[in-house]
Amino acid sequence: MLAARPVLVLDEATSELDPETEKKVLEVIHGRLAGCTIIAVSHHPHAELRGYATFRLPERCLDQESPST
């Protein structure tokens, strides 16, 4: 986060998409924004961008999972 790079925040950006379209959109975002810090907020557990870390808020408690790459 401290690197001098662009930051993109996606807040429920794919919430109205079906899972197949959502996957395609996330693949395009990942491919075209390589080197950009992306913070994606989603209620969809499958809507993960490949990256450094995934954080979840089960029962309002912050959990960190392994990188999804």
C-alpha atoms as a PDB file:
ATOM      1  CA  MET A   1       0.000   0.000   0.000  1.00  0.00           C
ATOM      2  CA  LEU A   2       2.910   2.364   0.539  1.00  0.00           C
ATOM      3  CA  ALA A   3       4.283   2.050  -2.978  1.00  0.00           C
ATOM      4  CA  ALA A   4       3.774   4.990  -5.314  1.00  0.00           C
ATOM      5  CA  ARG A   5       1.178   3.381  -7.567  1.00  0.00           C
ATOM      6  CA  PRO A   6      -2.422   4.053  -8.577  1.00  0.00           C
ATOM      7  CA  VAL A   7      -5.177   2.830  -6.253  1.00  0.00           C
ATOM      8  CA  LEU A   8      -8.560   1.602  -7.489  1.00  0.00           C
ATOM      9  CA  VAL A   9     -11.414   1.067  -5.021  1.00  0.00           C
ATOM     10  CA  LEU A  10     -14.278  -1.156  -6.213  1.00  0.00           C
ATOM     11  CA  ASP A  11     -17.299  -1.077  -3.895  1.00  0.00           C
ATOM     12  CA  GLU A  12     -19.756  -3.788  -4.938  1.00  0.00           C
ATOM     13  CA  ALA A  13     -18.729  -3.151  -8.557  1.00  0.00           C
ATOM     14  CA  THR A  14     -20.030  -6.526  -9.750  1.00  0.00           C
ATOM     15  CA  SER A  15     -22.969  -6.999  -7.397  1.00  0.00           C
ATOM     16  CA  GLU A  16     -25.576  -7.046 -10.186  1.00  0.00           C
ATOM     17  CA  LEU A  17     -23.689  -9.409 -12.493  1.00  0.00           C
ATOM     18  CA  ASP A  18     -24.182 -13.147 -12.885  1.00  0.00           C
ATOM     19  CA  PRO A  19     -21.176 -15.253 -11.728  1.00  0.00           C
ATOM     20  CA  GLU A  20     -19.895 -15.953 -15.263  1.00  0.00           C
ATOM     21  CA  THR A  21     -19.923 -12.283 -16.298  1.00  0.00           C
ATOM     22  CA  GLU A  22     -18.475 -11.254 -12.942  1.00  0.00           C
ATOM     23  CA  LYS A  23     -15.544 -13.636 -13.446  1.00  0.00           C
ATOM     24  CA  LYS A  24     -14.862 -12.178 -16.911  1.00  0.00           C
ATOM     25  CA  VAL A  25     -14.997  -8.597 -15.605  1.00  0.00           C
ATOM     26  CA  LEU A  26     -12.600  -9.408 -12.756  1.00  0.00           C
ATOM     27  CA  GLU A  27     -10.185 -11.085 -15.187  1.00  0.00           C
ATOM     28  CA  VAL A  28     -10.169  -7.951 -17.378  1.00  0.00           C
ATOM     29  CA  ILE A  29      -9.614  -5.717 -14.347  1.00  0.00           C
ATOM     30  CA  HIS A  30      -6.742  -7.899 -13.176  1.00  0.00           C
ATOM     31  CA  GLY A  31      -5.136  -8.008 -16.620  1.00  0.00           C
ATOM     32  CA  ARG A  32      -5.410  -4.334 -17.461  1.00  0.00           C
ATOM     33  CA  LEU A  33      -4.544  -2.948 -14.046  1.00  0.00           C
ATOM     34  CA  ALA A  34      -1.420  -4.942 -13.280  1.00  0.00           C
ATOM     35  CA  GLY A  35       0.738  -2.916 -10.913  1.00  0.00           C
ATOM     36  CA  CYS A  36      -2.253  -1.057  -9.500  1.00  0.00           C
ATOM     37  CA  THR A  37      -3.375  -1.486  -5.898  1.00  0.00           C
ATOM     38  CA  ILE A  38      -6.973  -2.715  -6.019  1.00  0.00           C
ATOM     39  CA  ILE A  39      -9.253  -2.666  -3.000  1.00  0.00           C
ATOM     40  CA  ALA A  40     -12.413  -4.610  -3.840  1.00  0.00           C
ATOM     41  CA  VAL A  41     -15.396  -4.698  -1.485  1.00  0.00           C
ATOM     42  CA  SER A  42     -17.917  -7.453  -2.172  1.00  0.00           C
ATOM     43  CA  HIS A  43     -20.518  -9.603  -0.491  1.00  0.00           C
ATOM     44  CA  HIS A  44     -19.836 -12.332  -3.068  1.00  0.00           C
ATOM     45  CA  PRO A  45     -17.307 -14.867  -1.724  1.00  0.00           C
ATOM     46  CA  HIS A  46     -16.319 -15.843  -5.290  1.00  0.00           C
ATOM     47  CA  ALA A  47     -15.621 -12.242  -6.353  1.00  0.00           C
ATOM     48  CA  GLU A  48     -11.942 -12.259  -5.537  1.00  0.00           C
ATOM     49  CA  LEU A  49      -9.224 -10.598  -7.505  1.00  0.00           C
ATOM     50  CA  ARG A  50      -5.992 -12.514  -7.681  1.00  0.00           C
ATOM     51  CA  GLY A  51      -3.597 -10.727  -5.434  1.00  0.00           C
ATOM     52  CA  TYR A  52      -1.685 -10.409  -2.244  1.00  0.00           C
ATOM     53  CA  ALA A  53      -4.342 -10.927   0.396  1.00  0.00           C
ATOM     54  CA  THR A  54      -8.029 -11.500   0.930  1.00  0.00           C
ATOM     55  CA  PHE A  55      -9.733 -10.197   4.042  1.00  0.00           C
ATOM     56  CA  ARG A  56     -13.109 -11.388   5.279  1.00  0.00           C
ATOM     57  CA  LEU A  57     -15.406 -10.062   7.977  1.00  0.00           C
ATOM     58  CA  PRO A  58     -17.176 -13.124   9.381  1.00  0.00           C
ATOM     59  CA  GLU A  59     -19.403 -12.094  12.258  1.00  0.00           C
ATOM     60  CA  ARG A  60     -17.866  -8.592  12.162  1.00  0.00           C
ATOM     61  CA  CYS A  61     -14.368  -9.860  12.957  1.00  0.00           C
ATOM     62  CA  LEU A  62     -11.519  -9.265  10.472  1.00  0.00           C
ATOM     63  CA  ASP A  63      -9.844 -12.444   9.141  1.00  0.00           C
ATOM     64  CA  GLN A  64      -6.994 -12.615   6.651  1.00  0.00           C
ATOM     65  CA  GLU A  65      -6.764 -15.529   4.242  1.00  0.00           C
ATOM     66  CA  SER A  66      -3.866 -16.774   2.160  1.00  0.00           C
ATOM     67  CA  PRO A  67      -3.135 -15.091  -1.155  1.00  0.00           C
ATOM     68  CA  SER A  68      -5.462 -16.347  -3.865  1.00  0.00           C
ATOM     69  CA  THR A  69      -2.745 -16.722  -6.494  1.00  0.00           C
END
